């Protein structure tokens, strides 16, 4: 008697469908990989335009009408001074004052994009604020945005000012001239004032006047040696007369702030 067919035979041997092709699977995997790469690139292009050489508006997306708005506050200054943190603190100062710990922010927020938003002034009205990062690659944007600035706020790290006074002065000399050309009010913001080693505004003013006198004098001497003394006086004429001691105009204000502690009342009072 013949034995019945074995039930252990492979099901695939009797399957009505052909086995999948390895080549087809590889094609599908390749297509999926390409789509994932394209999606990641598009995401980075939209969120971090600076990586692709496209200028954006940072984490505050400005409308196409933003540059047509009224007078604004322009935040400028060296890198790591805490400009973007200060911008966040100005917006969140009220919630921090009410004890909302979620609104606390670090001393410095790394940013490579221009940030535009608005903040509430003491009188309840709003003012547009433009934060330009201190990276040298973006320095040309200061001139562009200064054309509609009512106030130019030059932000410094007061906790590290004593060690970088000359560097700060070299960055400030063009801002002083620009503010005068645009008839914008200049405010020197001594940020990170909550630190014990922070320099007070009075010391910052005195030290900057000394350093600016040296910087402008050295530039005049250098350009004069190169046969461009008249050009030096023309370019720096708005800052100080050749050989004269630099002094800030009477309307230049020095204020102390702490972005980390959301202590920005002195700056808001200038708006």
Protein backbone atom coordinates (compact mmCIF):
# COMPACT_ATOMS: atom_id res chain seq x y z
CA UNK A 1 0.00 0.00 0.00
CA UNK A 2 1.36 3.38 -0.98
CA UNK A 3 1.80 5.97 1.76
CA UNK A 4 -0.14 9.31 1.58
CA UNK A 5 1.69 12.43 0.42
CA UNK A 6 3.83 14.03 3.07
CA UNK A 7 2.32 17.14 4.67
CA UNK A 8 5.79 18.56 5.33
CA UNK A 9 6.36 19.62 1.74
CA UNK A 10 7.19 23.31 1.26
CA UNK A 11 4.13 25.56 0.75
CA UNK A 12 6.09 27.66 -1.67
CA UNK A 13 6.33 24.74 -4.02
CA UNK A 14 2.55 24.85 -4.49
CA UNK A 15 2.11 28.64 -4.21
CA UNK A 16 0.22 30.12 -7.15
CA UNK A 17 2.32 33.36 -6.87
CA UNK A 18 5.87 33.64 -8.13
CA UNK A 19 8.66 34.41 -5.64
CA UNK A 20 9.53 38.14 -5.38
CA UNK A 21 12.50 39.34 -7.46
CA UNK A 22 15.53 40.49 -5.43
CA UNK A 23 16.21 43.15 -8.02
CA UNK A 24 12.78 44.71 -7.52
CA UNK A 25 13.29 44.88 -3.74
CA UNK A 26 16.57 46.68 -4.19
CA UNK A 27 14.95 49.23 -6.50
CA UNK A 28 12.21 49.94 -3.96
CA UNK A 29 14.75 50.38 -1.15
CA UNK A 30 16.81 52.76 -3.31
CA UNK A 31 13.77 54.86 -4.19
CA UNK A 32 12.74 55.12 -0.54
CA UNK A 33 16.27 56.17 0.42
CA UNK A 34 16.33 58.88 -2.24
CA UNK A 35 12.94 60.20 -1.10
CA UNK A 36 14.14 60.32 2.52
CA UNK A 37 17.27 62.29 1.51
CA UNK A 38 15.16 64.73 -0.53
CA UNK A 39 12.76 65.23 2.38
CA UNK A 40 15.62 65.91 4.82
CA UNK A 41 17.23 68.41 2.43
CA UNK A 42 13.95 70.27 1.91
CA UNK A 43 13.34 70.34 5.65
CA UNK A 44 16.80 71.79 6.33
CA UNK A 45 16.39 74.31 3.49
CA UNK A 46 13.15 75.58 5.02
CA UNK A 47 14.16 75.55 8.68
CA UNK A 48 17.87 76.35 8.41
CA UNK A 49 18.27 78.39 5.24
CA UNK A 50 21.69 79.63 6.29
CA UNK A 51 23.16 76.15 5.66
CA UNK A 52 22.33 76.51 1.96
CA UNK A 53 23.36 80.15 1.57
CA UNK A 54 19.75 81.36 1.58
CA UNK A 55 18.95 84.22 3.91
CA UNK A 56 15.94 83.66 6.08
CA UNK A 57 14.21 85.27 9.03
CA UNK A 58 15.33 82.94 11.79
CA UNK A 59 12.85 81.48 14.20
CA UNK A 60 10.60 84.53 13.85
CA UNK A 61 9.14 84.41 10.36
CA UNK A 62 8.58 87.88 9.02
CA UNK A 63 5.99 88.73 6.42
CA UNK A 64 6.85 90.35 3.10
CA UNK A 65 5.63 93.65 4.57
CA UNK A 66 8.03 93.57 7.51
CA UNK A 67 10.51 96.00 5.98
CA UNK A 68 7.72 98.48 5.31
CA UNK A 69 6.73 98.72 8.94
CA UNK A 70 7.37 101.76 11.07
CA UNK A 71 10.40 102.59 13.19
CA UNK A 72 12.07 99.62 14.81
CA UNK A 73 14.58 98.62 17.45
CA UNK A 74 17.74 97.15 15.93
CA UNK A 75 19.78 94.75 18.09
CA UNK A 76 23.42 94.57 17.02
CA UNK A 77 26.73 93.76 18.66
CA UNK A 78 29.53 91.18 18.91
CA UNK A 79 28.95 87.45 18.88
CA UNK A 80 27.91 85.79 22.16
CA UNK A 81 26.71 89.05 23.65
CA UNK A 82 23.24 87.53 24.09
CA UNK A 83 21.23 89.51 21.52
CA UNK A 84 18.85 86.71 20.61
CA UNK A 85 18.44 85.77 24.27
CA UNK A 86 17.67 89.41 24.99
CA UNK A 87 15.02 89.41 22.28
CA UNK A 88 13.38 86.36 23.83
CA UNK A 89 13.60 87.93 27.28
CA UNK A 90 11.87 91.09 26.06
CA UNK A 91 8.98 89.01 24.83
CA UNK A 92 8.81 86.80 27.89
CA UNK A 93 9.57 89.35 30.59
CA UNK A 94 5.97 89.47 31.78
CA UNK A 95 5.62 85.71 32.14
CA UNK A 96 8.97 85.52 33.94
CA UNK A 97 7.86 88.25 36.32
CA UNK A 98 4.82 86.15 37.13
CA UNK A 99 7.06 83.23 38.10
CA UNK A 100 6.67 81.13 34.96
CA UNK A 101 9.91 79.11 35.03
CA UNK A 102 9.22 77.72 31.57
CA UNK A 103 9.98 81.16 30.18
CA UNK A 104 13.53 81.23 31.54
CA UNK A 105 16.17 81.24 28.85
CA UNK A 106 19.97 80.82 28.72
CA UNK A 107 22.47 83.66 28.54
CA UNK A 108 23.18 83.00 24.88
CA UNK A 109 21.12 81.49 22.08
CA UNK A 110 23.10 80.57 18.98
CA UNK A 111 21.56 82.08 15.86
CA UNK A 112 22.78 82.64 12.32
CA UNK A 113 19.60 84.18 10.96
CA UNK A 114 18.02 87.61 11.21
CA UNK A 115 15.11 87.47 13.65
CA UNK A 116 12.19 89.86 13.34
CA UNK A 117 9.31 90.19 15.77
CA UNK A 118 7.62 92.83 17.93
CA UNK A 119 7.58 93.60 21.64
CA UNK A 120 5.27 95.52 23.90
CA UNK A 121 6.51 98.90 25.07
CA UNK A 122 5.89 100.44 28.48
CA UNK A 123 2.95 102.44 27.11
CA UNK A 124 1.29 99.27 25.81
CA UNK A 125 2.05 99.91 22.16
CA UNK A 126 4.22 97.56 20.13
CA UNK A 127 7.52 98.13 18.35
CA UNK A 128 9.18 96.01 15.69
CA UNK A 129 12.48 94.47 16.76
CA UNK A 130 15.20 93.17 14.45
CA UNK A 131 17.98 90.99 15.86
CA UNK A 132 21.06 90.69 13.63
CA UNK A 133 23.55 88.01 14.73
CA UNK A 134 27.10 89.19 15.34
CA UNK A 135 28.79 86.88 12.85
CA UNK A 136 30.98 88.89 10.42
CA UNK A 137 29.23 87.24 7.48
CA UNK A 138 26.05 89.12 8.38
CA UNK A 139 27.61 92.51 9.13
CA UNK A 140 26.42 93.96 5.79
CA UNK A 141 22.82 93.51 6.91
CA UNK A 142 23.23 96.11 9.66
CA UNK A 143 23.38 98.93 7.12
CA UNK A 144 20.30 97.59 5.34
CA UNK A 145 18.09 97.28 8.40
CA UNK A 146 19.37 100.50 10.00
CA UNK A 147 17.51 102.52 7.40
CA UNK A 148 14.24 102.08 9.29
CA UNK A 149 15.64 101.89 12.81
CA UNK A 150 14.45 104.35 15.42
CA UNK A 151 16.78 102.93 18.06
CA UNK A 152 20.05 101.04 17.56
CA UNK A 153 20.84 98.91 20.60
CA UNK A 154 24.47 97.79 20.72
CA UNK A 155 24.55 94.74 23.00
CA UNK A 156 27.73 93.73 24.84
CA UNK A 157 28.63 90.97 27.27
CA UNK A 158 29.31 93.02 30.39
CA UNK A 159 30.66 89.95 32.19
CA UNK A 160 33.50 89.68 29.68
CA UNK A 161 33.80 93.34 28.75
CA UNK A 162 36.99 94.07 30.71
CA UNK A 163 38.86 91.47 28.64
CA UNK A 164 37.38 92.48 25.28
CA UNK A 165 37.05 96.25 25.55
CA UNK A 166 39.24 96.96 22.51
CA UNK A 167 37.40 94.40 20.39
CA UNK A 168 34.04 95.86 21.44
CA UNK A 169 35.21 99.38 20.63
CA UNK A 170 36.35 98.32 17.16
CA UNK A 171 32.90 96.87 16.49
CA UNK A 172 31.14 99.90 17.98
CA UNK A 173 32.90 102.64 16.02
CA UNK A 174 30.96 101.91 12.82
CA UNK A 175 27.70 101.60 14.74
CA UNK A 176 28.17 105.06 16.28
CA UNK A 177 28.69 106.57 12.85
CA UNK A 178 25.78 104.62 11.36
CA UNK A 179 23.37 105.69 14.10
CA UNK A 180 24.27 109.33 13.55
CA UNK A 181 23.89 109.05 9.79
CA UNK A 182 20.45 107.46 10.16
CA UNK A 183 19.49 109.85 13.00
CA UNK A 184 18.70 106.85 15.17
CA UNK A 185 19.12 106.91 18.93
CA UNK A 186 21.97 104.76 20.23
CA UNK A 187 21.62 102.63 23.35
CA UNK A 188 24.52 100.61 24.77
CA UNK A 189 23.06 97.50 26.41
CA UNK A 190 25.26 95.94 29.10
CA UNK A 191 23.85 92.41 29.06
CA UNK A 192 24.51 89.59 31.55
CA UNK A 193 24.55 92.13 34.37
CA UNK A 194 23.40 89.45 36.82
CA UNK A 195 26.91 87.99 36.97
CA UNK A 196 29.17 89.08 39.79
CA UNK A 197 32.02 89.94 37.40
CA UNK A 198 29.83 92.11 35.16
CA UNK A 199 31.09 95.63 34.49
CA UNK A 200 28.58 98.35 35.46
CA UNK A 201 27.32 100.75 32.75
CA UNK A 202 29.33 103.67 34.18
CA UNK A 203 32.59 101.74 33.80
CA UNK A 204 31.61 100.52 30.33
CA UNK A 205 31.00 104.09 29.18
CA UNK A 206 34.30 105.42 30.52
CA UNK A 207 36.32 102.51 29.15
CA UNK A 208 34.65 102.66 25.73
CA UNK A 209 35.36 106.36 25.38
CA UNK A 210 39.06 105.67 26.02
CA UNK A 211 39.17 102.73 23.62
CA UNK A 212 37.24 104.57 20.91
CA UNK A 213 39.66 107.48 21.16
CA UNK A 214 42.54 105.06 20.58
CA UNK A 215 40.80 103.16 17.78
CA UNK A 216 39.90 106.27 15.79
CA UNK A 217 43.35 107.77 16.37
CA UNK A 218 45.07 104.60 15.14
CA UNK A 219 42.87 104.47 12.04
CA UNK A 220 43.59 108.11 11.26
CA UNK A 221 47.33 107.54 11.66
CA UNK A 222 47.25 104.40 9.52
CA UNK A 223 45.27 105.98 6.69
CA UNK A 224 47.34 109.17 6.85
CA UNK A 225 50.52 107.09 6.47
CA UNK A 226 48.93 105.49 3.41
CA UNK A 227 48.20 108.92 1.96
CA UNK A 228 44.48 108.86 2.75
CA UNK A 229 44.28 111.23 5.68
CA UNK A 230 41.43 113.21 4.10
CA UNK A 231 39.50 109.99 3.55
CA UNK A 232 39.99 109.03 7.18
CA UNK A 233 38.60 112.35 8.39
CA UNK A 234 35.66 112.05 6.00
CA UNK A 235 34.75 108.51 7.04
CA UNK A 236 35.25 109.08 10.77
CA UNK A 237 34.17 112.70 10.88
CA UNK A 238 30.85 111.74 12.43
CA UNK A 239 32.59 109.89 15.25
CA UNK A 240 35.31 112.27 16.39
CA UNK A 241 37.54 114.94 14.97
CA UNK A 242 41.03 113.78 14.09
CA UNK A 243 43.14 113.65 17.26
CA UNK A 244 40.25 114.62 19.54
CA UNK A 245 39.13 112.65 22.59
CA UNK A 246 36.00 110.64 21.93
CA UNK A 247 32.92 111.31 24.04
CA UNK A 248 29.45 109.88 23.62
CA UNK A 249 26.63 112.21 22.67
CA UNK A 250 24.31 113.25 25.49
CA UNK A 251 21.41 111.21 24.10
CA UNK A 252 23.38 107.92 24.13
CA UNK A 253 22.05 105.81 26.99
CA UNK A 254 23.76 102.94 28.85
CA UNK A 255 21.45 100.34 30.38
CA UNK A 256 21.97 97.09 32.27
CA UNK A 257 20.05 93.94 31.33
CA UNK A 258 20.02 90.24 32.09
CA UNK A 259 18.38 88.04 29.50
CA UNK A 260 18.73 85.00 31.75
CA UNK A 261 16.78 86.70 34.54
CA UNK A 262 14.44 88.46 32.09
CA UNK A 263 15.53 91.78 33.59
CA UNK A 264 15.00 94.06 30.60
CA UNK A 265 13.04 96.92 32.17
CA UNK A 266 15.79 99.50 31.55
CA UNK A 267 15.88 98.65 27.86
CA UNK A 268 12.09 98.61 27.52
CA UNK A 269 11.97 102.06 29.11
CA UNK A 270 14.02 103.39 26.19
CA UNK A 271 11.48 102.32 23.56
